[in-house]
Amino acid sequence: LGGFMLRAVYSFGNGSTTPPKDAGRIVGLSGEYRAGPLFA
């Protein structure tokens, strides 16, 4: 997107049927920018 890029993840985790049912769940986001010789 004009040098920008987004990445996102949603992991359902361990799939446990007993509490805590959300164990291992990962939620994440990143933003990247690249212009010529520069990456950030």
All heavy atoms as atom14 arrays in JSON, in Angstrom:
{
  "sequence": "LGGFMLRAVYSFGNGSTTPPKDAGRIVGLSGEYRAGPLFA",
  "atom14_mask": [
    [1, 1, 1, 1, 1, 1, 1, 1, 0, 0, 0, 0, 0, 0],
    [1, 1, 1, 1, 0, 0, 0, 0, 0, 0, 0, 0, 0, 0],
    [1, 1, 1, 1, 0, 0, 0, 0, 0, 0, 0, 0, 0, 0],
    [1, 1, 1, 1, 1, 1, 1, 1, 1, 1, 1, 0, 0, 0],
    [1, 1, 1, 1, 1, 1, 1, 1, 0, 0, 0, 0, 0, 0],
    [1, 1, 1, 1, 1, 1, 1, 1, 0, 0, 0, 0, 0, 0],
    [1, 1, 1, 1, 1, 1, 1, 1, 1, 1, 1, 0, 0, 0],
    [1, 1, 1, 1, 1, 0, 0, 0, 0, 0, 0, 0, 0, 0],
    [1, 1, 1, 1, 1, 1, 1, 0, 0, 0, 0, 0, 0, 0],
    [1, 1, 1, 1, 1, 1, 1, 1, 1, 1, 1, 1, 0, 0],
    [1, 1, 1, 1, 1, 1, 0, 0, 0, 0, 0, 0, 0, 0],
    [1, 1, 1, 1, 1, 1, 1, 1, 1, 1, 1, 0, 0, 0],
    [1, 1, 1, 1, 0, 0, 0, 0, 0, 0, 0, 0, 0, 0],
    [1, 1, 1, 1, 1, 1, 1, 1, 0, 0, 0, 0, 0, 0],
    [1, 1, 1, 1, 0, 0, 0, 0, 0, 0, 0, 0, 0, 0],
    [1, 1, 1, 1, 1, 1, 0, 0, 0, 0, 0, 0, 0, 0],
    [1, 1, 1, 1, 1, 1, 1, 0, 0, 0, 0, 0, 0, 0],
    [1, 1, 1, 1, 1, 1, 1, 0, 0, 0, 0, 0, 0, 0],
    [1, 1, 1, 1, 1, 1, 1, 0, 0, 0, 0, 0, 0, 0],
    [1, 1, 1, 1, 1, 1, 1, 0, 0, 0, 0, 0, 0, 0],
    [1, 1, 1, 1, 1, 1, 1, 1, 1, 0, 0, 0, 0, 0],
    [1, 1, 1, 1, 1, 1, 1, 1, 0, 0, 0, 0, 0, 0],
    [1, 1, 1, 1, 1, 0, 0, 0, 0, 0, 0, 0, 0, 0],
    [1, 1, 1, 1, 0, 0, 0, 0, 0, 0, 0, 0, 0, 0],
    [1, 1, 1, 1, 1, 1, 1, 1, 1, 1, 1, 0, 0, 0],
    [1, 1, 1, 1, 1, 1, 1, 1, 0, 0, 0, 0, 0, 0],
    [1, 1, 1, 1, 1, 1, 1, 0, 0, 0, 0, 0, 0, 0],
    [1, 1, 1, 1, 0, 0, 0, 0, 0, 0, 0, 0, 0, 0],
    [1, 1, 1, 1, 1, 1, 1, 1, 0, 0, 0, 0, 0, 0],
    [1, 1, 1, 1, 1, 1, 0, 0, 0, 0, 0, 0, 0, 0],
    [1, 1, 1, 1, 0, 0, 0, 0, 0, 0, 0, 0, 0, 0],
    [1, 1, 1, 1, 1, 1, 1, 1, 1, 0, 0, 0, 0, 0],
    [1, 1, 1, 1, 1, 1, 1, 1, 1, 1, 1, 1, 0, 0],
    [1, 1, 1, 1, 1, 1, 1, 1, 1, 1, 1, 0, 0, 0],
    [1, 1, 1, 1, 1, 0, 0, 0, 0, 0, 0, 0, 0, 0],
    [1, 1, 1, 1, 0, 0, 0, 0, 0, 0, 0, 0, 0, 0],
    [1, 1, 1, 1, 1, 1, 1, 0, 0, 0, 0, 0, 0, 0],
    [1, 1, 1, 1, 1, 1, 1, 1, 0, 0, 0, 0, 0, 0],
    [1, 1, 1, 1, 1, 1, 1, 1, 1, 1, 1, 0, 0, 0],
    [1, 1, 1, 1, 1, 0, 0, 0, 0, 0, 0, 0, 0, 0]
  ],
  "atom14_positions": [
    [[0.85, -1.19, 0.0], [0.0, 0.0, 0.0], [0.89, 1.24, 0.0], [1.05, 1.93, 1.0], [-0.92, 0.0, 1.23], [-1.8, -1.25, 1.4], [-2.48, -1.24, 2.76], [-2.83, -1.31, 0.27], [0.0, 0.0, 0.0], [0.0, 0.0, 0.0], [0.0, 0.0, 0.0], [0.0, 0.0, 0.0], [0.0, 0.0, 0.0], [0.0, 0.0, 0.0]],
    [[1.49, 1.53, -1.16], [2.38, 2.68, -1.25], [3.6, 2.56, -0.37], [4.07, 3.57, 0.18], [0.0, 0.0, 0.0], [0.0, 0.0, 0.0], [0.0, 0.0, 0.0], [0.0, 0.0, 0.0], [0.0, 0.0, 0.0], [0.0, 0.0, 0.0], [0.0, 0.0, 0.0], [0.0, 0.0, 0.0], [0.0, 0.0, 0.0], [0.0, 0.0, 0.0]],
    [[4.14, 1.35, -0.23], [5.3, 1.12, 0.62], [4.95, 0.54, 1.97], [5.82, 0.04, 2.67], [0.0, 0.0, 0.0], [0.0, 0.0, 0.0], [0.0, 0.0, 0.0], [0.0, 0.0, 0.0], [0.0, 0.0, 0.0], [0.0, 0.0, 0.0], [0.0, 0.0, 0.0], [0.0, 0.0, 0.0], [0.0, 0.0, 0.0], [0.0, 0.0, 0.0]],
    [[3.66, 0.62, 2.35], [3.21, 0.08, 3.63], [2.62, -1.32, 3.44], [2.05, -1.64, 2.41], [2.16, 0.99, 4.27], [2.7, 2.28, 4.78], [2.69, 3.41, 3.98], [3.23, 2.37, 6.07], [3.19, 4.62, 4.45], [3.74, 3.58, 6.54], [3.72, 4.7, 5.73], [0.0, 0.0, 0.0], [0.0, 0.0, 0.0], [0.0, 0.0, 0.0]],
    [[2.74, -2.14, 4.48], [2.16, -3.47, 4.48], [1.73, -3.83, 5.89], [2.43, -3.54, 6.86], [3.15, -4.52, 3.98], [2.58, -5.92, 3.88], [3.77, -7.1, 3.19], [2.75, -8.58, 3.11], [0.0, 0.0, 0.0], [0.0, 0.0, 0.0], [0.0, 0.0, 0.0], [0.0, 0.0, 0.0], [0.0, 0.0, 0.0], [0.0, 0.0, 0.0]],
    [[0.55, -4.44, 6.0], [0.02, -4.88, 7.29], [-0.04, -6.41, 7.33], [-0.31, -7.05, 6.31], [-1.38, -4.32, 7.53], [-1.52, -2.81, 7.57], [-3.0, -2.42, 7.7], [-0.73, -2.22, 8.74], [0.0, 0.0, 0.0], [0.0, 0.0, 0.0], [0.0, 0.0, 0.0], [0.0, 0.0, 0.0], [0.0, 0.0, 0.0], [0.0, 0.0, 0.0]],
    [[0.22, -6.98, 8.5], [0.06, -8.41, 8.73], [-0.71, -8.6, 10.03], [-0.48, -7.87, 11.0], [1.41, -9.13, 8.82], [2.31, -8.97, 7.6], [3.59, -9.78, 7.79], [4.65, -9.35, 6.9], [4.92, -9.91, 5.72], [4.19, -10.93, 5.31], [5.9, -9.47, 4.96], [0.0, 0.0, 0.0], [0.0, 0.0, 0.0], [0.0, 0.0, 0.0]],
    [[-1.63, -9.56, 10.05], [-2.42, -9.83, 11.24], [-2.58, -11.32, 11.43], [-2.59, -12.08, 10.45], [-3.78, -9.15, 11.14], [0.0, 0.0, 0.0], [0.0, 0.0, 0.0], [0.0, 0.0, 0.0], [0.0, 0.0, 0.0], [0.0, 0.0, 0.0], [0.0, 0.0, 0.0], [0.0, 0.0, 0.0], [0.0, 0.0, 0.0], [0.0, 0.0, 0.0]],
    [[-2.72, -11.77, 12.68], [-2.92, -13.18, 12.97], [-3.92, -13.34, 14.1], [-3.97, -12.54, 15.04], [-1.58, -13.86, 13.37], [-1.01, -13.26, 14.64], [-1.75, -15.36, 13.54], [0.0, 0.0, 0.0], [0.0, 0.0, 0.0], [0.0, 0.0, 0.0], [0.0, 0.0, 0.0], [0.0, 0.0, 0.0], [0.0, 0.0, 0.0], [0.0, 0.0, 0.0]],
    [[-4.77, -14.36, 13.96], [-5.65, -14.78, 15.05], [-5.56, -16.29, 15.13], [-5.96, -17.0, 14.2], [-7.11, -14.36, 14.81], [-8.03, -14.75, 15.95], [-8.26, -13.87, 16.99], [-8.62, -16.01, 15.99], [-9.08, -14.22, 18.05], [-9.43, -16.38, 17.04], [-9.66, -15.48, 18.08], [-10.46, -15.84, 19.14], [0.0, 0.0, 0.0], [0.0, 0.0, 0.0]],
    [[-5.0, -16.78, 16.24], [-4.85, -18.22, 16.44], [-5.88, -18.68, 17.47], [-6.07, -18.04, 18.5], [-3.44, -18.53, 16.94], [-3.36, -19.85, 17.44], [0.0, 0.0, 0.0], [0.0, 0.0, 0.0], [0.0, 0.0, 0.0], [0.0, 0.0, 0.0], [0.0, 0.0, 0.0], [0.0, 0.0, 0.0], [0.0, 0.0, 0.0], [0.0, 0.0, 0.0]],
    [[-6.53, -19.81, 17.17], [-7.54, -20.33, 18.08], [-6.94, -21.07, 19.26], [-7.66, -21.51, 20.15], [-8.51, -21.23, 17.31], [-9.42, -20.47, 16.4], [-9.02, -20.15, 15.11], [-10.66, -20.05, 16.83], [-9.84, -19.43, 14.27], [-11.5, -19.33, 15.99], [-11.09, -19.02, 14.7], [0.0, 0.0, 0.0], [0.0, 0.0, 0.0], [0.0, 0.0, 0.0]],
    [[-5.62, -21.24, 19.27], [-4.95, -21.8, 20.43], [-5.03, -23.3, 20.54], [-5.09, -24.02, 19.55], [0.0, 0.0, 0.0], [0.0, 0.0, 0.0], [0.0, 0.0, 0.0], [0.0, 0.0, 0.0], [0.0, 0.0, 0.0], [0.0, 0.0, 0.0], [0.0, 0.0, 0.0], [0.0, 0.0, 0.0], [0.0, 0.0, 0.0], [0.0, 0.0, 0.0]],
    [[-5.12, -23.78, 21.78], [-5.0, -25.21, 22.05], [-6.29, -25.97, 21.82], [-6.3, -27.2, 21.86], [-4.54, -25.43, 23.5], [-3.21, -24.76, 23.78], [-2.41, -24.53, 22.87], [-2.95, -24.44, 25.03], [0.0, 0.0, 0.0], [0.0, 0.0, 0.0], [0.0, 0.0, 0.0], [0.0, 0.0, 0.0], [0.0, 0.0, 0.0], [0.0, 0.0, 0.0]],
    [[-7.4, -25.27, 21.63], [-8.68, -25.94, 21.38], [-9.19, -26.72, 22.57], [-9.87, -27.75, 22.41], [0.0, 0.0, 0.0], [0.0, 0.0, 0.0], [0.0, 0.0, 0.0], [0.0, 0.0, 0.0], [0.0, 0.0, 0.0], [0.0, 0.0, 0.0], [0.0, 0.0, 0.0], [0.0, 0.0, 0.0], [0.0, 0.0, 0.0], [0.0, 0.0, 0.0]],
    [[-8.88, -26.28, 23.78], [-9.31, -27.0, 24.98], [-10.83, -26.9, 25.16], [-11.44, -25.87, 24.9], [-8.61, -26.43, 26.22], [-9.09, -27.03, 27.41], [0.0, 0.0, 0.0], [0.0, 0.0, 0.0], [0.0, 0.0, 0.0], [0.0, 0.0, 0.0], [0.0, 0.0, 0.0], [0.0, 0.0, 0.0], [0.0, 0.0, 0.0], [0.0, 0.0, 0.0]],
    [[-11.42, -27.99, 25.62], [-12.87, -28.01, 25.9], [-13.16, -27.72, 27.37], [-14.31, -27.65, 27.78], [-13.47, -29.38, 25.52], [-12.79, -30.41, 26.25], [-13.33, -29.62, 24.03], [0.0, 0.0, 0.0], [0.0, 0.0, 0.0], [0.0, 0.0, 0.0], [0.0, 0.0, 0.0], [0.0, 0.0, 0.0], [0.0, 0.0, 0.0], [0.0, 0.0, 0.0]],
    [[-12.1, -27.58, 28.16], [-12.26, -27.24, 29.57], [-11.53, -25.93, 29.85], [-10.54, -25.6, 29.18], [-11.69, -28.35, 30.47], [-10.29, -28.53, 30.17], [-12.43, -29.65, 30.24], [0.0, 0.0, 0.0], [0.0, 0.0, 0.0], [0.0, 0.0, 0.0], [0.0, 0.0, 0.0], [0.0, 0.0, 0.0], [0.0, 0.0, 0.0], [0.0, 0.0, 0.0]],
    [[-11.97, -25.17, 30.84], [-11.33, -23.89, 31.15], [-9.87, -24.06, 31.51], [-9.5, -25.06, 32.16], [-12.15, -23.36, 32.33], [-13.47, -24.05, 32.22], [-13.16, -25.41, 31.69], [0.0, 0.0, 0.0], [0.0, 0.0, 0.0], [0.0, 0.0, 0.0], [0.0, 0.0, 0.0], [0.0, 0.0, 0.0], [0.0, 0.0, 0.0], [0.0, 0.0, 0.0]],
    [[-9.0, -23.14, 31.1], [-9.34, -21.97, 30.25], [-9.38, -22.35, 28.77], [-8.38, -22.8, 28.21], [-8.19, -21.0, 30.53], [-7.02, -21.88, 30.87], [-7.6, -23.09, 31.55], [0.0, 0.0, 0.0], [0.0, 0.0, 0.0], [0.0, 0.0, 0.0], [0.0, 0.0, 0.0], [0.0, 0.0, 0.0], [0.0, 0.0, 0.0], [0.0, 0.0, 0.0]],
    [[-10.51, -22.17, 28.15], [-10.69, -22.58, 26.76], [-9.91, -21.71, 25.78], [-9.71, -22.1, 24.63], [-12.18, -22.55, 26.4], [-13.02, -23.55, 27.18], [-14.46, -23.53, 26.74], [-15.29, -24.55, 27.52], [-16.71, -24.56, 27.1], [0.0, 0.0, 0.0], [0.0, 0.0, 0.0], [0.0, 0.0, 0.0], [0.0, 0.0, 0.0], [0.0, 0.0, 0.0]],
    [[-9.46, -20.54, 26.24], [-8.71, -19.66, 25.35], [-7.2, -19.83, 25.48], [-6.42, -19.06, 24.91], [-9.07, -18.19, 25.61], [-8.75, -17.75, 27.04], [-8.33, -18.61, 27.86], [-8.9, -16.55, 27.35], [0.0, 0.0, 0.0], [0.0, 0.0, 0.0], [0.0, 0.0, 0.0], [0.0, 0.0, 0.0], [0.0, 0.0, 0.0], [0.0, 0.0, 0.0]],
    [[-6.73, -20.84, 26.21], [-5.29, -21.05, 26.4], [-4.59, -21.23, 25.06], [-5.03, -22.02, 24.22], [-5.04, -22.25, 27.3], [0.0, 0.0, 0.0], [0.0, 0.0, 0.0], [0.0, 0.0, 0.0], [0.0, 0.0, 0.0], [0.0, 0.0, 0.0], [0.0, 0.0, 0.0], [0.0, 0.0, 0.0], [0.0, 0.0, 0.0], [0.0, 0.0, 0.0]],
    [[-3.51, -20.5, 24.85], [-2.75, -20.59, 23.62], [-3.22, -19.67, 22.52], [-2.57, -19.59, 21.47], [0.0, 0.0, 0.0], [0.0, 0.0, 0.0], [0.0, 0.0, 0.0], [0.0, 0.0, 0.0], [0.0, 0.0, 0.0], [0.0, 0.0, 0.0], [0.0, 0.0, 0.0], [0.0, 0.0, 0.0], [0.0, 0.0, 0.0], [0.0, 0.0, 0.0]],
    [[-4.31, -18.98, 22.71], [-4.82, -18.09, 21.65], [-3.87, -16.92, 21.45], [-3.45, -16.26, 22.39], [-6.2, -17.54, 22.04], [-6.86, -16.73, 20.93], [-8.12, -16.04, 21.45], [-7.78, -14.98, 22.39], [-8.68, -14.4, 23.2], [-9.93, -14.83, 23.23], [-8.3, -13.43, 24.02], [0.0, 0.0, 0.0], [0.0, 0.0, 0.0], [0.0, 0.0, 0.0]],
    [[-3.5, -16.67, 20.19], [-2.59, -15.57, 19.84], [-3.31, -14.58, 18.94], [-3.97, -14.96, 17.98], [-1.33, -16.1, 19.12], [-0.49, -16.97, 20.06], [-0.49, -14.93, 18.59], [0.74, -17.57, 19.41], [0.0, 0.0, 0.0], [0.0, 0.0, 0.0], [0.0, 0.0, 0.0], [0.0, 0.0, 0.0], [0.0, 0.0, 0.0], [0.0, 0.0, 0.0]],
    [[-3.19, -13.31, 19.29], [-3.71, -12.22, 18.46], [-2.55, -11.27, 18.22], [-1.84, -10.89, 19.17], [-4.87, -11.48, 19.15], [-5.37, -10.34, 18.27], [-6.01, -12.44, 19.46], [0.0, 0.0, 0.0], [0.0, 0.0, 0.0], [0.0, 0.0, 0.0], [0.0, 0.0, 0.0], [0.0, 0.0, 0.0], [0.0, 0.0, 0.0], [0.0, 0.0, 0.0]],
    [[-2.31, -10.88, 16.98], [-1.18, -10.02, 16.7], [-1.32, -9.2, 15.44], [-2.12, -9.51, 14.56], [0.0, 0.0, 0.0], [0.0, 0.0, 0.0], [0.0, 0.0, 0.0], [0.0, 0.0, 0.0], [0.0, 0.0, 0.0], [0.0, 0.0, 0.0], [0.0, 0.0, 0.0], [0.0, 0.0, 0.0], [0.0, 0.0, 0.0], [0.0, 0.0, 0.0]],
    [[-0.52, -8.14, 15.36], [-0.56, -7.21, 14.23], [0.82, -6.6, 14.03], [1.57, -6.4, 14.99], [-1.57, -6.09, 14.53], [-1.8, -5.03, 13.43], [-2.53, -5.66, 12.25], [-2.6, -3.86, 13.99], [0.0, 0.0, 0.0], [0.0, 0.0, 0.0], [0.0, 0.0, 0.0], [0.0, 0.0, 0.0], [0.0, 0.0, 0.0], [0.0, 0.0, 0.0]],
    [[1.17, -6.35, 12.78], [2.41, -5.64, 12.48], [2.18, -4.66, 11.35], [1.27, -4.83, 10.54], [3.54, -6.62, 12.1], [3.3, -7.19, 10.82], [0.0, 0.0, 0.0], [0.0, 0.0, 0.0], [0.0, 0.0, 0.0], [0.0, 0.0, 0.0], [0.0, 0.0, 0.0], [0.0, 0.0, 0.0], [0.0, 0.0, 0.0], [0.0, 0.0, 0.0]],
    [[3.04, -3.66, 11.31], [3.06, -2.7, 10.21], [4.47, -2.58, 9.69], [5.43, -2.51, 10.48], [0.0, 0.0, 0.0], [0.0, 0.0, 0.0], [0.0, 0.0, 0.0], [0.0, 0.0, 0.0], [0.0, 0.0, 0.0], [0.0, 0.0, 0.0], [0.0, 0.0, 0.0], [0.0, 0.0, 0.0], [0.0, 0.0, 0.0], [0.0, 0.0, 0.0]],
    [[4.62, -2.58, 8.37], [5.94, -2.51, 7.74], [5.96, -1.4, 6.71], [4.95, -1.12, 6.06], [6.29, -3.84, 7.08], [6.24, -5.04, 8.01], [6.34, -6.36, 7.27], [6.72, -6.34, 6.07], [6.02, -7.41, 7.85], [0.0, 0.0, 0.0], [0.0, 0.0, 0.0], [0.0, 0.0, 0.0], [0.0, 0.0, 0.0], [0.0, 0.0, 0.0]],
    [[7.13, -0.79, 6.56], [7.29, 0.25, 5.55], [8.61, 0.03, 4.83], [9.65, -0.19, 5.44], [7.3, 1.64, 6.19], [7.54, 2.76, 5.19], [6.57, 3.11, 4.26], [8.76, 3.44, 5.18], [6.79, 4.12, 3.34], [8.99, 4.46, 4.26], [8.01, 4.79, 3.35], [8.23, 5.79, 2.42], [0.0, 0.0, 0.0], [0.0, 0.0, 0.0]],
    [[8.55, 0.08, 3.51], [9.75, -0.09, 2.69], [9.76, 0.98, 1.6], [8.79, 1.13, 0.84], [9.81, -1.48, 2.06], [11.11, -1.74, 1.3], [11.18, -3.16, 0.77], [11.2, -4.15, 1.83], [12.3, -4.49, 2.5], [13.46, -3.9, 2.23], [12.25, -5.42, 3.43], [0.0, 0.0, 0.0], [0.0, 0.0, 0.0], [0.0, 0.0, 0.0]],
    [[10.86, 1.72, 1.55], [11.04, 2.74, 0.53], [12.5, 2.75, 0.11], [13.37, 3.2, 0.87], [10.63, 4.12, 1.05], [0.0, 0.0, 0.0], [0.0, 0.0, 0.0], [0.0, 0.0, 0.0], [0.0, 0.0, 0.0], [0.0, 0.0, 0.0], [0.0, 0.0, 0.0], [0.0, 0.0, 0.0], [0.0, 0.0, 0.0], [0.0, 0.0, 0.0]],
    [[12.77, 2.22, -1.08], [14.16, 2.16, -1.56], [15.02, 1.36, -0.6], [14.72, 0.19, -0.31], [0.0, 0.0, 0.0], [0.0, 0.0, 0.0], [0.0, 0.0, 0.0], [0.0, 0.0, 0.0], [0.0, 0.0, 0.0], [0.0, 0.0, 0.0], [0.0, 0.0, 0.0], [0.0, 0.0, 0.0], [0.0, 0.0, 0.0], [0.0, 0.0, 0.0]],
    [[16.09, 1.95, -0.06], [17.01, 1.19, 0.79], [16.53, 1.03, 2.24], [17.18, 0.36, 3.02], [18.28, 2.03, 0.75], [17.79, 3.43, 0.57], [16.58, 3.32, -0.33], [0.0, 0.0, 0.0], [0.0, 0.0, 0.0], [0.0, 0.0, 0.0], [0.0, 0.0, 0.0], [0.0, 0.0, 0.0], [0.0, 0.0, 0.0], [0.0, 0.0, 0.0]],
    [[15.41, 1.64, 2.6], [14.95, 1.65, 3.99], [13.83, 0.65, 4.23], [12.85, 0.59, 3.48], [14.46, 3.04, 4.39], [13.8, 3.14, 5.78], [14.83, 2.88, 6.88], [13.14, 4.5, 5.96], [0.0, 0.0, 0.0], [0.0, 0.0, 0.0], [0.0, 0.0, 0.0], [0.0, 0.0, 0.0], [0.0, 0.0, 0.0], [0.0, 0.0, 0.0]],
    [[13.97, -0.14, 5.3], [12.88, -0.96, 5.82], [12.7, -0.63, 7.29], [13.68, -0.5, 8.04], [13.17, -2.47, 5.69], [12.22, -3.3, 6.52], [10.96, -3.61, 6.03], [12.57, -3.71, 7.81], [10.06, -4.33, 6.8], [11.67, -4.44, 8.58], [10.42, -4.74, 8.07], [0.0, 0.0, 0.0], [0.0, 0.0, 0.0], [0.0, 0.0, 0.0]],
    [[11.45, -0.52, 7.74], [11.15, -0.32, 9.15], [9.83, -1.02, 9.46], [8.9, -1.0, 8.64], [11.06, 1.16, 9.49], [0.0, 0.0, 0.0], [0.0, 0.0, 0.0], [0.0, 0.0, 0.0], [0.0, 0.0, 0.0], [0.0, 0.0, 0.0], [0.0, 0.0, 0.0], [0.0, 0.0, 0.0], [0.0, 0.0, 0.0], [0.0, 0.0, 0.0]]
  ]
}
